[in-house]
C-alpha atoms as a PDB file:
ATOM      1  CA  UNK A   1      94.267  99.503  84.527  1.00  0.00           C
ATOM      2  CA  UNK A   2      96.833 102.236  85.308  1.00  0.00           C
ATOM      3  CA  UNK A   3     100.609 102.131  85.719  1.00  0.00           C
ATOM      4  CA  UNK A   4     102.590  98.462  86.606  1.00  0.00           C
ATOM      5  CA  UNK A   5     103.859  99.538  90.142  1.00  0.00           C
ATOM      6  CA  UNK A   6     100.117 101.225  90.945  1.00  0.00           C
ATOM      7  CA  UNK A   7      98.743  98.497  90.215  1.00  0.00           C
ATOM      8  CA  UNK A   8     100.261  95.849  91.505  1.00  0.00           C
ATOM      9  CA  UNK A   9      99.323  95.293  95.149  1.00  0.00           C
ATOM     10  CA  UNK A  10     101.655  96.934  97.675  1.00  0.00           C
ATOM     11  CA  UNK A  11     104.697  94.797  98.425  1.00  0.00           C
ATOM     12  CA  UNK A  12     107.771  94.807 100.617  1.00  0.00           C
ATOM     13  CA  UNK A  13     109.635  98.056  98.975  1.00  0.00           C
ATOM     14  CA  UNK A  14     112.866  96.643 100.196  1.00  0.00           C
ATOM     15  CA  UNK A  15     116.313  96.780  97.347  1.00  0.00           C
ATOM     16  CA  UNK A  16     115.595  94.112  95.010  1.00  0.00           C
ATOM     17  CA  UNK A  17     119.006  92.784  96.632  1.00  0.00           C
ATOM     18  CA  UNK A  18     117.143  92.492 100.029  1.00  0.00           C
ATOM     19  CA  UNK A  19     113.863  91.131  98.307  1.00  0.00           C
ATOM     20  CA  UNK A  20     115.349  88.043  96.814  1.00  0.00           C
ATOM     21  CA  UNK A  21     117.269  87.049  99.919  1.00  0.00           C
ATOM     22  CA  UNK A  22     114.192  87.629 101.776  1.00  0.00           C
ATOM     23  CA  UNK A  23     112.575  85.238  99.315  1.00  0.00           C
ATOM     24  CA  UNK A  24     115.388  82.405  99.096  1.00  0.00           C
ATOM     25  CA  UNK A  25     115.537  82.116 103.148  1.00  0.00           C
ATOM     26  CA  UNK A  26     112.052  81.705 103.059  1.00  0.00           C
ATOM     27  CA  UNK A  27     112.244  78.706  99.741  1.00  0.00           C
ATOM     28  CA  UNK A  28     114.752  77.387 102.583  1.00  0.00           C
ATOM     29  CA  UNK A  29     113.084  77.196 105.969  1.00  0.00           C
ATOM     30  CA  UNK A  30     109.338  76.246 104.231  1.00  0.00           C
ATOM     31  CA  UNK A  31     111.236  73.203 103.111  1.00  0.00           C
ATOM     32  CA  UNK A  32     113.148  72.584 105.838  1.00  0.00           C
ATOM     33  CA  UNK A  33     109.457  72.799 107.968  1.00  0.00           C
ATOM     34  CA  UNK A  34     107.782  70.664 105.062  1.00  0.00           C
ATOM     35  CA  UNK A  35     110.807  68.182 104.944  1.00  0.00           C
ATOM     36  CA  UNK A  36     109.816  68.279 101.908  1.00  0.00           C
ATOM     37  CA  UNK A  37     110.199  70.410  98.257  1.00  0.00           C
ATOM     38  CA  UNK A  38     112.557  71.541  95.607  1.00  0.00           C
ATOM     39  CA  UNK A  39     115.112  73.680  97.030  1.00  0.00           C
ATOM     40  CA  UNK A  40     117.590  73.737  93.891  1.00  0.00           C
ATOM     41  CA  UNK A  41     114.903  74.996  90.681  1.00  0.00           C
ATOM     42  CA  UNK A  42     113.121  76.803  93.453  1.00  0.00           C
ATOM     43  CA  UNK A  43     116.424  78.969  94.291  1.00  0.00           C
ATOM     44  CA  UNK A  44     117.315  79.354  90.442  1.00  0.00           C
ATOM     45  CA  UNK A  45     114.223  81.229  89.748  1.00  0.00           C
ATOM     46  CA  UNK A  46     114.160  83.743  92.397  1.00  0.00           C
ATOM     47  CA  UNK A  47     115.232  86.859  90.111  1.00  0.00           C
ATOM     48  CA  UNK A  48     112.587  85.918  87.300  1.00  0.00           C
ATOM     49  CA  UNK A  49     109.692  86.037  89.359  1.00  0.00           C
ATOM     50  CA  UNK A  50     110.876  88.491  91.693  1.00  0.00           C
ATOM     51  CA  UNK A  51     111.329  91.048  88.456  1.00  0.00           C
ATOM     52  CA  UNK A  52     107.768  89.784  87.085  1.00  0.00           C
ATOM     53  CA  UNK A  53     105.832  90.260  90.380  1.00  0.00           C
ATOM     54  CA  UNK A  54     107.568  93.531  91.617  1.00  0.00           C
ATOM     55  CA  UNK A  55     108.272  95.479  87.868  1.00  0.00           C
ATOM     56  CA  UNK A  56     106.327  93.667  84.985  1.00  0.00           C
ATOM     57  CA  UNK A  57     102.846  92.274  85.807  1.00  0.00           C
ATOM     58  CA  UNK A  58      99.683  94.032  85.176  1.00  0.00           C
ATOM     59  CA  UNK A  59      97.941  92.815  88.373  1.00  0.00           C
ATOM     60  CA  UNK A  60      94.824  94.237  90.060  1.00  0.00           C
ATOM     61  CA  UNK A  61      95.259  95.188  93.858  1.00  0.00           C
ATOM     62  CA  UNK A  62      92.180  92.906  95.106  1.00  0.00           C
ATOM     63  CA  UNK A  63      92.765  89.430  93.691  1.00  0.00           C
ATOM     64  CA  UNK A  64      89.019  88.697  91.968  1.00  0.00           C
ATOM     65  CA  UNK A  65      87.149  92.073  93.431  1.00  0.00           C
ATOM     66  CA  UNK A  66      88.528  94.397  91.065  1.00  0.00           C
ATOM     67  CA  UNK A  67      86.319  95.223  88.288  1.00  0.00           C
ATOM     68  CA  UNK A  68      89.710  94.912  86.260  1.00  0.00           C
ATOM     69  CA  UNK A  69      90.362  91.343  87.119  1.00  0.00           C
ATOM     70  CA  UNK A  70      89.592  90.324  83.550  1.00  0.00           C
ATOM     71  CA  UNK A  71      92.106  92.577  81.885  1.00  0.00           C
ATOM     72  CA  UNK A  72      94.696  91.180  84.291  1.00  0.00           C
ATOM     73  CA  UNK A  73      98.338  89.634  83.225  1.00  0.00           C
ATOM     74  CA  UNK A  74      98.090  86.041  83.748  1.00  0.00           C
ATOM     75  CA  UNK A  75     101.565  84.233  85.335  1.00  0.00           C
ATOM     76  CA  UNK A  76     101.068  80.051  84.833  1.00  0.00           C
ATOM     77  CA  UNK A  77     104.116  78.271  86.759  1.00  0.00           C
ATOM     78  CA  UNK A  78     104.897  75.931  84.457  1.00  0.00           C
ATOM     79  CA  UNK A  79     107.911  74.216  86.416  1.00  0.00           C
ATOM     80  CA  UNK A  80     104.964  73.619  89.870  1.00  0.00           C
ATOM     81  CA  UNK A  81     107.948  72.506  91.789  1.00  0.00           C
ATOM     82  CA  UNK A  82     109.470  75.639  92.055  1.00  0.00           C
ATOM     83  CA  UNK A  83     106.053  77.010  94.384  1.00  0.00           C
ATOM     84  CA  UNK A  84     108.124  77.316  97.331  1.00  0.00           C
ATOM     85  CA  UNK A  85     109.847  80.618  95.533  1.00  0.00           C
ATOM     86  CA  UNK A  86     106.346  81.101  93.833  1.00  0.00           C
ATOM     87  CA  UNK A  87     104.119  81.179  96.853  1.00  0.00           C
ATOM     88  CA  UNK A  88     107.016  83.679  98.960  1.00  0.00           C
ATOM     89  CA  UNK A  89     107.037  85.878  96.184  1.00  0.00           C
ATOM     90  CA  UNK A  90     103.245  86.376  96.331  1.00  0.00           C
ATOM     91  CA  UNK A  91     103.610  86.534  99.988  1.00  0.00           C
ATOM     92  CA  UNK A  92     106.044  89.496 100.086  1.00  0.00           C
ATOM     93  CA  UNK A  93     103.915  91.319  96.881  1.00  0.00           C
ATOM     94  CA  UNK A  94     100.573  90.893  99.636  1.00  0.00           C
ATOM     95  CA  UNK A  95      98.497  88.313  97.939  1.00  0.00           C
ATOM     96  CA  UNK A  96      98.576  86.665 101.522  1.00  0.00           C
ATOM     97  CA  UNK A  97      99.957  86.847 104.779  1.00  0.00           C
ATOM     98  CA  UNK A  98     103.482  85.966 104.683  1.00  0.00           C
ATOM     99  CA  UNK A  99     102.903  83.708 108.280  1.00  0.00           C
ATOM    100  CA  UNK A 100     101.018  81.342 105.899  1.00  0.00           C
ATOM    101  CA  UNK A 101     104.146  80.191 104.197  1.00  0.00           C
ATOM    102  CA  UNK A 102     105.411  77.760 107.052  1.00  0.00           C
ATOM    103  CA  UNK A 103     101.855  75.591 106.331  1.00  0.00           C
ATOM    104  CA  UNK A 104     103.840  74.640 102.670  1.00  0.00           C
ATOM    105  CA  UNK A 105     103.174  71.413 102.089  1.00  0.00           C
ATOM    106  CA  UNK A 106     101.424  70.351 104.959  1.00  0.00           C
ATOM    107  CA  UNK A 107      97.941  68.496 105.118  1.00  0.00           C
ATOM    108  CA  UNK A 108      94.923  70.482 103.839  1.00  0.00           C
ATOM    109  CA  UNK A 109      97.236  73.513 103.660  1.00  0.00           C
ATOM    110  CA  UNK A 110      96.978  76.217 100.391  1.00  0.00           C
ATOM    111  CA  UNK A 111     100.067  76.187  99.635  1.00  0.00           C
ATOM    112  CA  UNK A 112     100.734  72.537  97.971  1.00  0.00           C
ATOM    113  CA  UNK A 113     104.024  71.095  96.590  1.00  0.00           C
ATOM    114  CA  UNK A 114     102.193  71.945  93.388  1.00  0.00           C
ATOM    115  CA  UNK A 115     100.026  75.311  92.486  1.00  0.00           C
ATOM    116  CA  UNK A 116      96.602  74.281  92.630  1.00  0.00           C
ATOM    117  CA  UNK A 117      93.480  76.421  91.950  1.00  0.00           C
ATOM    118  CA  UNK A 118      91.542  73.946  94.179  1.00  0.00           C
ATOM    119  CA  UNK A 119      91.834  75.772  97.498  1.00  0.00           C
ATOM    120  CA  UNK A 120      91.441  79.814  96.374  1.00  0.00           C
ATOM    121  CA  UNK A 121      94.873  80.750  97.052  1.00  0.00           C
ATOM    122  CA  UNK A 122      95.472  84.581  95.684  1.00  0.00           C
ATOM    123  CA  UNK A 123      97.377  84.935  92.477  1.00  0.00           C
ATOM    124  CA  UNK A 124      97.374  81.170  91.160  1.00  0.00           C
ATOM    125  CA  UNK A 125      95.976  81.060  87.587  1.00  0.00           C
ATOM    126  CA  UNK A 126      96.263  77.429  87.025  1.00  0.00           C
ATOM    127  CA  UNK A 127      97.102  73.987  88.846  1.00  0.00           C
ATOM    128  CA  UNK A 128     100.770  73.047  87.517  1.00  0.00           C
ATOM    129  CA  UNK A 129     103.109  70.600  88.494  1.00  0.00           C
ATOM    130  CA  UNK A 130     102.746  67.776  85.817  1.00  0.00           C
ATOM    131  CA  UNK A 131     105.939  69.025  83.440  1.00  0.00           C
ATOM    132  CA  UNK A 132     105.402  69.838  80.089  1.00  0.00           C
ATOM    133  CA  UNK A 133     101.779  71.203  80.205  1.00  0.00           C
ATOM    134  CA  UNK A 134     102.229  74.397  81.479  1.00  0.00           C
ATOM    135  CA  UNK A 135     102.828  75.725  78.360  1.00  0.00           C
ATOM    136  CA  UNK A 136      99.811  74.655  76.730  1.00  0.00           C
ATOM    137  CA  UNK A 137      97.477  76.258  78.976  1.00  0.00           C
ATOM    138  CA  UNK A 138      99.488  79.130  78.718  1.00  0.00           C
ATOM    139  CA  UNK A 139      98.701  79.070  74.835  1.00  0.00           C
ATOM    140  CA  UNK A 140      94.916  78.423  75.357  1.00  0.00           C
ATOM    141  CA  UNK A 141      95.012  81.672  77.683  1.00  0.00           C
ATOM    142  CA  UNK A 142      96.577  83.704  75.575  1.00  0.00           C
ATOM    143  CA  UNK A 143      94.088  82.394  72.979  1.00  0.00           C
ATOM    144  CA  UNK A 144      91.046  83.153  74.717  1.00  0.00           C
ATOM    145  CA  UNK A 145      92.406  86.587  75.469  1.00  0.00           C
ATOM    146  CA  UNK A 146      92.368  87.573  72.053  1.00  0.00           C
ATOM    147  CA  UNK A 147      89.042  86.001  71.184  1.00  0.00           C
ATOM    148  CA  UNK A 148      87.758  88.141  73.899  1.00  0.00           C
ATOM    149  CA  UNK A 149      90.157  91.655  72.435  1.00  0.00           C
ATOM    150  CA  UNK A 150      91.577  91.517  76.076  1.00  0.00           C
ATOM    151  CA  UNK A 151      95.397  93.048  75.320  1.00  0.00           C
ATOM    152  CA  UNK A 152      96.415  91.582  78.198  1.00  0.00           C
ATOM    153  CA  UNK A 153      99.613  89.816  78.292  1.00  0.00           C
ATOM    154  CA  UNK A 154     100.236  85.743  79.781  1.00  0.00           C
ATOM    155  CA  UNK A 155     103.637  84.907  81.361  1.00  0.00           C
ATOM    156  CA  UNK A 156     104.333  81.298  81.544  1.00  0.00           C
ATOM    157  CA  UNK A 157     107.607  79.927  83.580  1.00  0.00           C
ATOM    158  CA  UNK A 158     108.975  76.791  81.861  1.00  0.00           C
ATOM    159  CA  UNK A 159     112.105  74.787  83.421  1.00  0.00           C
ATOM    160  CA  UNK A 160     114.666  73.680  80.995  1.00  0.00           C
ATOM    161  CA  UNK A 161     114.633  70.131  82.056  1.00  0.00           C
ATOM    162  CA  UNK A 162     110.292  70.029  80.549  1.00  0.00           C
ATOM    163  CA  UNK A 163     111.522  71.048  77.668  1.00  0.00           C
ATOM    164  CA  UNK A 164     112.209  67.844  76.134  1.00  0.00           C
ATOM    165  CA  UNK A 165     108.949  66.622  76.703  1.00  0.00           C
ATOM    166  CA  UNK A 166     106.876  67.017  73.160  1.00  0.00           C
ATOM    167  CA  UNK A 167     104.227  69.094  74.245  1.00  0.00           C
ATOM    168  CA  UNK A 168     106.338  72.044  74.506  1.00  0.00           C
ATOM    169  CA  UNK A 169     107.031  72.287  70.907  1.00  0.00           C
ATOM    170  CA  UNK A 170     103.688  71.826  69.543  1.00  0.00           C
ATOM    171  CA  UNK A 171     102.518  74.114  71.936  1.00  0.00           C
ATOM    172  CA  UNK A 172     105.459  76.306  70.260  1.00  0.00           C
ATOM    173  CA  UNK A 173     104.085  75.602  67.150  1.00  0.00           C
ATOM    174  CA  UNK A 174     100.769  76.485  68.119  1.00  0.00           C
ATOM    175  CA  UNK A 175     101.603  80.062  69.528  1.00  0.00           C
ATOM    176  CA  UNK A 176     103.966  80.735  66.709  1.00  0.00           C
ATOM    177  CA  UNK A 177     100.434  79.190  64.356  1.00  0.00           C
ATOM    178  CA  UNK A 178      98.185  81.601  65.990  1.00  0.00           C
ATOM    179  CA  UNK A 179     100.426  84.821  66.304  1.00  0.00           C
ATOM    180  CA  UNK A 180      99.997  84.987  69.974  1.00  0.00           C
ATOM    181  CA  UNK A 181     102.212  88.144  70.827  1.00  0.00           C
ATOM    182  CA  UNK A 182     100.247  88.197  73.911  1.00  0.00           C
ATOM    183  CA  UNK A 183     102.416  85.370  74.819  1.00  0.00           C
ATOM    184  CA  UNK A 184     105.925  85.972  76.765  1.00  0.00           C
ATOM    185  CA  UNK A 185     107.801  82.207  77.309  1.00  0.00           C
ATOM    186  CA  UNK A 186     110.401  82.423  80.227  1.00  0.00           C
ATOM    187  CA  UNK A 187     113.030  79.330  80.384  1.00  0.00           C
ATOM    188  CA  UNK A 188     115.157  79.153  83.703  1.00  0.00           C
ATOM    189  CA  UNK A 189     117.720  77.538  81.861  1.00  0.00           C
ATOM    190  CA  UNK A 190     120.091  76.271  85.052  1.00  0.00           C
ATOM    191  CA  UNK A 191     121.069  73.289  83.081  1.00  0.00           C
ATOM    192  CA  UNK A 192     120.588  70.170  85.293  1.00  0.00           C
ATOM    193  CA  UNK A 193     117.548  68.342  85.552  1.00  0.00           C
ATOM    194  CA  UNK A 194     117.252  65.327  88.612  1.00  0.00           C
ATOM    195  CA  UNK A 195     118.463  62.732  86.290  1.00  0.00           C
ATOM    196  CA  UNK A 196     121.677  65.371  85.673  1.00  0.00           C
ATOM    197  CA  UNK A 197     122.641  67.360  82.931  1.00  0.00           C
ATOM    198  CA  UNK A 198     119.834  68.240  80.570  1.00  0.00           C
ATOM    199  CA  UNK A 199     122.162  67.840  77.690  1.00  0.00           C
ATOM    200  CA  UNK A 200     123.421  64.604  78.854  1.00  0.00           C
ATOM    201  CA  UNK A 201     119.527  63.495  79.228  1.00  0.00           C
ATOM    202  CA  UNK A 202     118.869  65.220  75.742  1.00  0.00           C
ATOM    203  CA  UNK A 203     120.409  68.029  74.755  1.00  0.00           C
ATOM    204  CA  UNK A 204     118.867  71.031  73.907  1.00  0.00           C
ATOM    205  CA  UNK A 205     121.133  73.051  71.645  1.00  0.00           C
ATOM    206  CA  UNK A 206     120.803  75.574  70.018  1.00  0.00           C
ATOM    207  CA  UNK A 207     117.784  76.113  71.669  1.00  0.00           C
ATOM    208  CA  UNK A 208     118.171  80.059  71.197  1.00  0.00           C
ATOM    209  CA  UNK A 209     117.928  79.081  67.238  1.00  0.00           C
ATOM    210  CA  UNK A 210     115.412  76.039  67.744  1.00  0.00           C
ATOM    211  CA  UNK A 211     112.894  78.888  69.349  1.00  0.00           C
ATOM    212  CA  UNK A 212     113.503  81.171  66.379  1.00  0.00           C
ATOM    213  CA  UNK A 213     112.940  78.483  63.980  1.00  0.00           C
ATOM    214  CA  UNK A 214     109.566  77.777  65.595  1.00  0.00           C
ATOM    215  CA  UNK A 215     108.324  81.546  65.254  1.00  0.00           C
ATOM    216  CA  UNK A 216     109.697  82.987  68.176  1.00  0.00           C
ATOM    217  CA  UNK A 217     111.647  86.294  68.837  1.00  0.00           C
ATOM    218  CA  UNK A 218     113.733  84.817  71.440  1.00  0.00           C
ATOM    219  CA  UNK A 219     116.448  87.260  73.881  1.00  0.00           C
ATOM    220  CA  UNK A 220     119.365  85.441  76.077  1.00  0.00           C
ATOM    221  CA  UNK A 221     119.706  86.867  79.348  1.00  0.00           C
ATOM    222  CA  UNK A 222     121.270  86.175  82.461  1.00  0.00           C
ATOM    223  CA  UNK A 223     118.478  85.185  84.722  1.00  0.00           C
ATOM    224  CA  UNK A 224     119.859  86.608  88.107  1.00  0.00           C
ATOM    225  CA  UNK A 225     120.259  90.336  86.878  1.00  0.00           C
ATOM    226  CA  UNK A 226     117.769  92.397  87.706  1.00  0.00           C
ATOM    227  CA  UNK A 227     118.365  94.932  85.217  1.00  0.00           C
ATOM    228  CA  UNK A 228     118.900  92.162  81.877  1.00  0.00           C
ATOM    229  CA  UNK A 229     115.474  90.535  82.773  1.00  0.00           C
ATOM    230  CA  UNK A 230     113.802  94.061  82.996  1.00  0.00           C
ATOM    231  CA  UNK A 231     115.135  95.340  80.013  1.00  0.00           C
ATOM    232  CA  UNK A 232     113.728  91.427  78.123  1.00  0.00           C
ATOM    233  CA  UNK A 233     110.561  91.883  79.818  1.00  0.00           C
ATOM    234  CA  UNK A 234     109.025  94.998  79.191  1.00  0.00           C
ATOM    235  CA  UNK A 235     110.646  94.937  75.627  1.00  0.00           C
ATOM    236  CA  UNK A 236     108.306  91.529  74.885  1.00  0.00           C
ATOM    237  CA  UNK A 237     105.287  94.158  75.783  1.00  0.00           C
ATOM    238  CA  UNK A 238     105.621  95.898  72.178  1.00  0.00           C
ATOM    239  CA  UNK A 239     106.291  92.910  70.354  1.00  0.00           C
ATOM    240  CA  UNK A 240     104.782  91.542  67.069  1.00  0.00           C
ATOM    241  CA  UNK A 241     105.303  87.571  67.899  1.00  0.00           C
ATOM    242  CA  UNK A 242     105.440  85.372  70.662  1.00  0.00           C
ATOM    243  CA  UNK A 243     108.889  86.182  72.852  1.00  0.00           C
ATOM    244  CA  UNK A 244     110.768  83.508  74.562  1.00  0.00           C
ATOM    245  CA  UNK A 245     113.637  84.762  76.958  1.00  0.00           C
ATOM    246  CA  UNK A 246     116.380  81.884  77.834  1.00  0.00           C
ATOM    247  CA  UNK A 247     117.243  83.433  81.242  1.00  0.00           C
ATOM    248  CA  UNK A 248     120.511  81.766  81.767  1.00  0.00           C
ATOM    249  CA  UNK A 249     120.671  80.797  85.944  1.00  0.00           C
ATOM    250  CA  UNK A 250     122.450  78.608  88.524  1.00  0.00           C
ATOM    251  CA  UNK A 251     120.610  75.806  89.826  1.00  0.00           C
ATOM    252  CA  UNK A 252     120.452  76.012  93.751  1.00  0.00           C
ATOM    253  CA  UNK A 253     121.697  80.130  93.691  1.00  0.00           C
ATOM    254  CA  UNK A 254     122.577  81.184  96.729  1.00  0.00           C
ATOM    255  CA  UNK A 255     123.327  78.180  98.381  1.00  0.00           C
ATOM    256  CA  UNK A 256     126.947  77.556  97.438  1.00  0.00           C
ATOM    257  CA  UNK A 257     126.616  73.515  98.650  1.00  0.00           C
ATOM    258  CA  UNK A 258     123.706  73.222  96.160  1.00  0.00           C
ATOM    259  CA  UNK A 259     124.884  75.270  93.074  1.00  0.00           C
ATOM    260  CA  UNK A 260     125.269  73.372  90.476  1.00  0.00           C
ATOM    261  CA  UNK A 261     124.587  70.216  91.255  1.00  0.00           C
ATOM    262  CA  UNK A 262     121.981  68.351  90.368  1.00  0.00           C
ATOM    263  CA  UNK A 263     121.656  66.245  93.607  1.00  0.00           C
ATOM    264  CA  UNK A 264     119.746  68.876  95.311  1.00  0.00           C
ATOM    265  CA  UNK A 265     117.098  68.899  93.114  1.00  0.00           C
ATOM    266  CA  UNK A 266     114.783  67.689  95.408  1.00  0.00           C
ATOM    267  CA  UNK A 267     116.347  66.935  98.678  1.00  0.00           C
ATOM    268  CA  UNK A 268     115.762  68.677 101.803  1.00  0.00           C
ATOM    269  CA  UNK A 269     118.924  70.140 103.421  1.00  0.00           C
ATOM    270  CA  UNK A 270     120.024  68.081 106.976  1.00  0.00           C
ATOM    271  CA  UNK A 271     119.666  69.734 110.083  1.00  0.00           C
ATOM    272  CA  UNK A 272     123.502  70.884 109.911  1.00  0.00           C
ATOM    273  CA  UNK A 273     122.976  71.403 106.149  1.00  0.00           C
ATOM    274  CA  UNK A 274     120.227  73.872 107.013  1.00  0.00           C
ATOM    275  CA  UNK A 275     122.175  75.825 109.281  1.00  0.00           C
ATOM    276  CA  UNK A 276     124.797  76.730 107.030  1.00  0.00           C
ATOM    277  CA  UNK A 277     123.040  77.151 104.437  1.00  0.00           C
ATOM    278  CA  UNK A 278     120.825  79.939 106.173  1.00  0.00           C
ATOM    279  CA  UNK A 279     123.893  81.328 107.893  1.00  0.00           C
ATOM    280  CA  UNK A 280     125.120  81.594 103.909  1.00  0.00           C
ATOM    281  CA  UNK A 281     121.437  83.437 102.993  1.00  0.00           C
ATOM    282  CA  UNK A 282     121.731  86.018 105.732  1.00  0.00           C
ATOM    283  CA  UNK A 283     125.225  87.256 105.722  1.00  0.00           C
ATOM    284  CA  UNK A 284     126.712  86.193 102.153  1.00  0.00           C
ATOM    285  CA  UNK A 285     126.442  88.881  99.359  1.00  0.00           C
END
């Protein structure tokens, strides 16, 4: 494959700030039109997904049609309820038309509430959304690539709430045991889940030390910083062991009344709230 920029699909080449603003507006519009979805955790991972697809992932320009398809990097969205942000980034990277975004969660749509391979949507590697299982899938894919002598990387995005699942820690242990240096685990550390604070439900701390004890190289970054995310993800490309990036984020990022509010985990804004949110996203910093 060629360098990352040329191997990715051509995408909207606006500034990173403008790109992430478009994605957040899409998330709001998609969820409001569907009257269903998860705004909080979708908004928190916008920068993570945007850096991955604009700067990091080696993805063939024609999904499933390129002779290099088997050599592509893989991405698995373990926190599948954040699908609105994922779909928007894919659309703006030209995996499919942006007009399709407004079919989100509609009956028969390819853009279901959780990503699904059933509908043939370009860019979807795995059906996810049952929390705690995405990392196990990623470990299996990474092991398969090793067995096939393919040097591609596997990236998986987890929510911090789902890291309370025991299967996550079994998968981490397996990744270290199998020396999967082709695996990069990214944790959207927004510190909130549907029942409130992650630390109140079941504390993960010290998360960085726990991941290190499980045999991972660990970096902690600002999950809304383009430069910090880029540096950490580029560093992971040359790692000699599995990598974990703890990305500190804000749940509901970009909409002030949603920020750091667990109540917006899976709630749809009312009409006046949606208008206020859209205005803030369009004209805010």
